Amino acid sequence: MDYSIHQSEYSHESESTGGVVAAGGVEFHAGRLKLSPEFRYNRWAGRYWEFYHRGFERGSNRNQAEILFGIAF
């Protein structure tokens, strides 16, 4: 068994990065209700966190998709 201690490189940026956003949605009326589903896609310019260990690299995903659903009355 290997009980040696290995040091990893980890970086965390405290500031958010810029990026590009594309969004689209529709609005429906059902009686007194207003329903508004929306889709958003973000492509971040940089990673929020990164991890390196023995040639293995991992980091936060630069692609982000969201589905929002609004209800108003």
N, C-alpha and C. Protein backbone atom coordinates (compact mmCIF):
# COMPACT_ATOMS: atom_id res chain seq x y z
N MET A 1 0.83 -1.17 0.00
CA MET A 1 0.00 0.00 0.00
C MET A 1 0.88 1.24 0.00
N ASP A 2 0.42 2.24 -0.68
CA ASP A 2 1.15 3.50 -0.78
C ASP A 2 0.54 4.51 0.19
N TYR A 3 1.28 4.83 1.25
CA TYR A 3 0.80 5.79 2.24
C TYR A 3 1.51 7.13 2.13
N SER A 4 2.18 7.36 1.02
CA SER A 4 2.89 8.61 0.85
C SER A 4 1.91 9.75 0.61
N ILE A 5 2.35 10.94 0.93
CA ILE A 5 1.51 12.13 0.77
C ILE A 5 1.85 12.79 -0.55
N HIS A 6 0.85 13.08 -1.32
CA HIS A 6 1.03 13.71 -2.62
C HIS A 6 0.43 15.11 -2.57
N GLN A 7 1.15 16.05 -3.12
CA GLN A 7 0.66 17.42 -3.14
C GLN A 7 -0.03 17.69 -4.47
N SER A 8 -1.18 18.30 -4.42
CA SER A 8 -1.93 18.66 -5.61
C SER A 8 -1.94 20.16 -5.78
N GLU A 9 -2.05 20.60 -7.00
CA GLU A 9 -2.17 22.03 -7.27
C GLU A 9 -3.64 22.34 -7.47
N TYR A 10 -4.13 23.30 -6.72
CA TYR A 10 -5.53 23.69 -6.79
C TYR A 10 -5.57 25.20 -6.87
N SER A 11 -6.36 25.72 -7.76
CA SER A 11 -6.52 27.17 -7.83
C SER A 11 -8.00 27.51 -7.81
N HIS A 12 -8.31 28.56 -7.12
CA HIS A 12 -9.69 29.03 -7.01
C HIS A 12 -9.69 30.52 -7.24
N GLU A 13 -10.41 30.94 -8.21
CA GLU A 13 -10.52 32.37 -8.50
C GLU A 13 -11.69 32.93 -7.71
N SER A 14 -11.46 33.97 -6.95
CA SER A 14 -12.53 34.56 -6.16
C SER A 14 -13.40 35.49 -6.99
N GLU A 15 -12.91 35.91 -8.12
CA GLU A 15 -13.69 36.78 -8.98
C GLU A 15 -14.33 35.96 -10.10
N SER A 16 -15.52 36.33 -10.51
CA SER A 16 -16.16 35.62 -11.61
C SER A 16 -15.54 36.06 -12.93
N THR A 17 -15.67 35.20 -13.93
CA THR A 17 -15.13 35.52 -15.24
C THR A 17 -16.26 35.99 -16.15
N GLY A 18 -15.91 36.68 -17.21
CA GLY A 18 -16.90 37.12 -18.18
C GLY A 18 -17.30 35.97 -19.09
N GLY A 19 -18.27 36.22 -19.94
CA GLY A 19 -18.70 35.18 -20.86
C GLY A 19 -19.77 35.68 -21.81
N VAL A 20 -20.36 34.75 -22.53
CA VAL A 20 -21.40 35.05 -23.51
C VAL A 20 -22.69 34.35 -23.09
N VAL A 21 -23.82 35.04 -23.24
CA VAL A 21 -25.12 34.48 -22.88
C VAL A 21 -26.04 34.52 -24.08
N ALA A 22 -26.76 33.42 -24.30
CA ALA A 22 -27.83 33.37 -25.30
C ALA A 22 -29.07 32.87 -24.58
N ALA A 23 -30.20 33.52 -24.82
CA ALA A 23 -31.43 33.15 -24.11
C ALA A 23 -32.63 33.31 -25.03
N GLY A 24 -33.66 32.56 -24.73
CA GLY A 24 -34.91 32.67 -25.48
C GLY A 24 -36.05 32.13 -24.65
N GLY A 25 -37.22 32.66 -24.86
CA GLY A 25 -38.38 32.21 -24.11
C GLY A 25 -39.67 32.61 -24.78
N VAL A 26 -40.75 32.11 -24.25
CA VAL A 26 -42.09 32.42 -24.75
C VAL A 26 -42.99 32.74 -23.56
N GLU A 27 -44.14 33.30 -23.85
CA GLU A 27 -45.10 33.64 -22.80
C GLU A 27 -46.48 33.17 -23.23
N PHE A 28 -47.15 32.45 -22.33
CA PHE A 28 -48.49 31.94 -22.58
C PHE A 28 -49.44 32.50 -21.54
N HIS A 29 -50.68 32.70 -21.95
CA HIS A 29 -51.73 33.11 -21.02
C HIS A 29 -52.75 31.99 -20.92
N ALA A 30 -53.02 31.56 -19.69
CA ALA A 30 -54.00 30.51 -19.43
C ALA A 30 -54.96 31.06 -18.37
N GLY A 31 -56.02 31.68 -18.85
CA GLY A 31 -56.95 32.33 -17.92
C GLY A 31 -56.26 33.51 -17.26
N ARG A 32 -56.21 33.52 -15.94
CA ARG A 32 -55.56 34.60 -15.22
C ARG A 32 -54.06 34.36 -15.03
N LEU A 33 -53.60 33.18 -15.39
CA LEU A 33 -52.18 32.86 -15.22
C LEU A 33 -51.36 33.27 -16.44
N LYS A 34 -50.15 33.68 -16.18
CA LYS A 34 -49.18 33.95 -17.24
C LYS A 34 -48.01 33.00 -17.03
N LEU A 35 -47.74 32.13 -17.99
CA LEU A 35 -46.67 31.14 -17.92
C LEU A 35 -45.56 31.56 -18.87
N SER A 36 -44.33 31.54 -18.41
CA SER A 36 -43.22 31.99 -19.26
C SER A 36 -41.98 31.11 -19.09
N PRO A 37 -41.88 30.02 -19.88
CA PRO A 37 -40.66 29.22 -19.85
C PRO A 37 -39.54 29.91 -20.62
N GLU A 38 -38.31 29.69 -20.17
CA GLU A 38 -37.15 30.33 -20.79
C GLU A 38 -35.95 29.38 -20.73
N PHE A 39 -35.11 29.45 -21.75
CA PHE A 39 -33.87 28.67 -21.80
C PHE A 39 -32.70 29.64 -21.88
N ARG A 40 -31.66 29.41 -21.09
CA ARG A 40 -30.46 30.24 -21.12
C ARG A 40 -29.23 29.36 -21.28
N TYR A 41 -28.28 29.84 -22.08
CA TYR A 41 -27.00 29.16 -22.26
C TYR A 41 -25.89 30.16 -21.99
N ASN A 42 -24.97 29.81 -21.11
CA ASN A 42 -23.81 30.64 -20.79
C ASN A 42 -22.54 29.91 -21.20
N ARG A 43 -21.61 30.62 -21.79
CA ARG A 43 -20.27 30.10 -22.09
C ARG A 43 -19.30 31.03 -21.38
N TRP A 44 -18.71 30.54 -20.28
CA TRP A 44 -17.81 31.35 -19.49
C TRP A 44 -16.44 31.44 -20.15
N ALA A 45 -15.78 32.58 -20.01
CA ALA A 45 -14.47 32.80 -20.63
C ALA A 45 -13.39 31.98 -19.94
N GLY A 46 -13.52 31.74 -18.65
CA GLY A 46 -12.52 30.98 -17.90
C GLY A 46 -13.18 30.08 -16.88
N ARG A 47 -12.39 29.19 -16.31
CA ARG A 47 -12.90 28.28 -15.29
C ARG A 47 -12.92 28.96 -13.93
N TYR A 48 -13.91 28.61 -13.11
CA TYR A 48 -14.00 29.17 -11.76
C TYR A 48 -13.00 28.50 -10.82
N TRP A 49 -12.77 27.20 -10.99
CA TRP A 49 -11.76 26.48 -10.21
C TRP A 49 -11.09 25.45 -11.10
N GLU A 50 -9.85 25.09 -10.76
CA GLU A 50 -9.08 24.09 -11.49
C GLU A 50 -8.30 23.22 -10.51
N PHE A 51 -8.07 21.97 -10.89
CA PHE A 51 -7.37 21.00 -10.05
C PHE A 51 -6.40 20.20 -10.91
N TYR A 52 -5.15 20.10 -10.50
CA TYR A 52 -4.13 19.34 -11.22
C TYR A 52 -3.49 18.34 -10.27
N HIS A 53 -3.35 17.10 -10.73
CA HIS A 53 -2.68 16.09 -9.91
C HIS A 53 -2.15 14.98 -10.82
N ARG A 54 -0.84 14.80 -10.84
CA ARG A 54 -0.19 13.74 -11.62
C ARG A 54 -0.65 13.71 -13.08
N GLY A 55 -0.69 14.83 -13.70
CA GLY A 55 -1.09 14.91 -15.10
C GLY A 55 -2.59 14.87 -15.33
N PHE A 56 -3.36 14.74 -14.27
CA PHE A 56 -4.82 14.73 -14.37
C PHE A 56 -5.33 16.14 -14.11
N GLU A 57 -6.11 16.65 -15.03
CA GLU A 57 -6.62 18.01 -14.91
C GLU A 57 -8.13 17.98 -14.82
N ARG A 58 -8.67 18.75 -13.91
CA ARG A 58 -10.12 18.84 -13.76
C ARG A 58 -10.46 20.27 -13.38
N GLY A 59 -11.60 20.75 -13.82
CA GLY A 59 -12.00 22.10 -13.48
C GLY A 59 -13.49 22.29 -13.67
N SER A 60 -13.97 23.44 -13.26
CA SER A 60 -15.39 23.74 -13.42
C SER A 60 -15.73 23.81 -14.91
N ASN A 61 -16.94 23.44 -15.22
CA ASN A 61 -17.41 23.42 -16.60
C ASN A 61 -17.61 24.84 -17.09
N ARG A 62 -17.16 25.13 -18.30
CA ARG A 62 -17.32 26.47 -18.87
C ARG A 62 -18.66 26.62 -19.55
N ASN A 63 -19.39 25.53 -19.76
CA ASN A 63 -20.73 25.58 -20.37
C ASN A 63 -21.78 25.49 -19.26
N GLN A 64 -22.81 26.30 -19.36
CA GLN A 64 -23.88 26.28 -18.37
C GLN A 64 -25.21 26.46 -19.09
N ALA A 65 -26.15 25.57 -18.82
CA ALA A 65 -27.49 25.67 -19.40
C ALA A 65 -28.51 25.73 -18.27
N GLU A 66 -29.52 26.56 -18.43
CA GLU A 66 -30.55 26.72 -17.41
C GLU A 66 -31.92 26.73 -18.08
N ILE A 67 -32.88 26.11 -17.43
CA ILE A 67 -34.28 26.18 -17.86
C ILE A 67 -35.04 26.84 -16.72
N LEU A 68 -35.67 27.95 -17.03
CA LEU A 68 -36.43 28.71 -16.03
C LEU A 68 -37.90 28.67 -16.40
N PHE A 69 -38.75 28.68 -15.40
CA PHE A 69 -40.18 28.65 -15.65
C PHE A 69 -40.85 29.65 -14.72
N GLY A 70 -41.42 30.70 -15.29
CA GLY A 70 -42.07 31.74 -14.50
C GLY A 70 -43.58 31.59 -14.50
N ILE A 71 -44.18 31.86 -13.36
CA ILE A 71 -45.64 31.84 -13.22
C ILE A 71 -46.06 33.16 -12.57
N ALA A 72 -46.99 33.84 -13.19
CA ALA A 72 -47.51 35.10 -12.64
C ALA A 72 -49.03 35.09 -12.71
N PHE A 73 -49.64 35.80 -11.79
CA PHE A 73 -51.12 35.91 -11.80
C PHE A 73 -51.55 37.27 -11.33
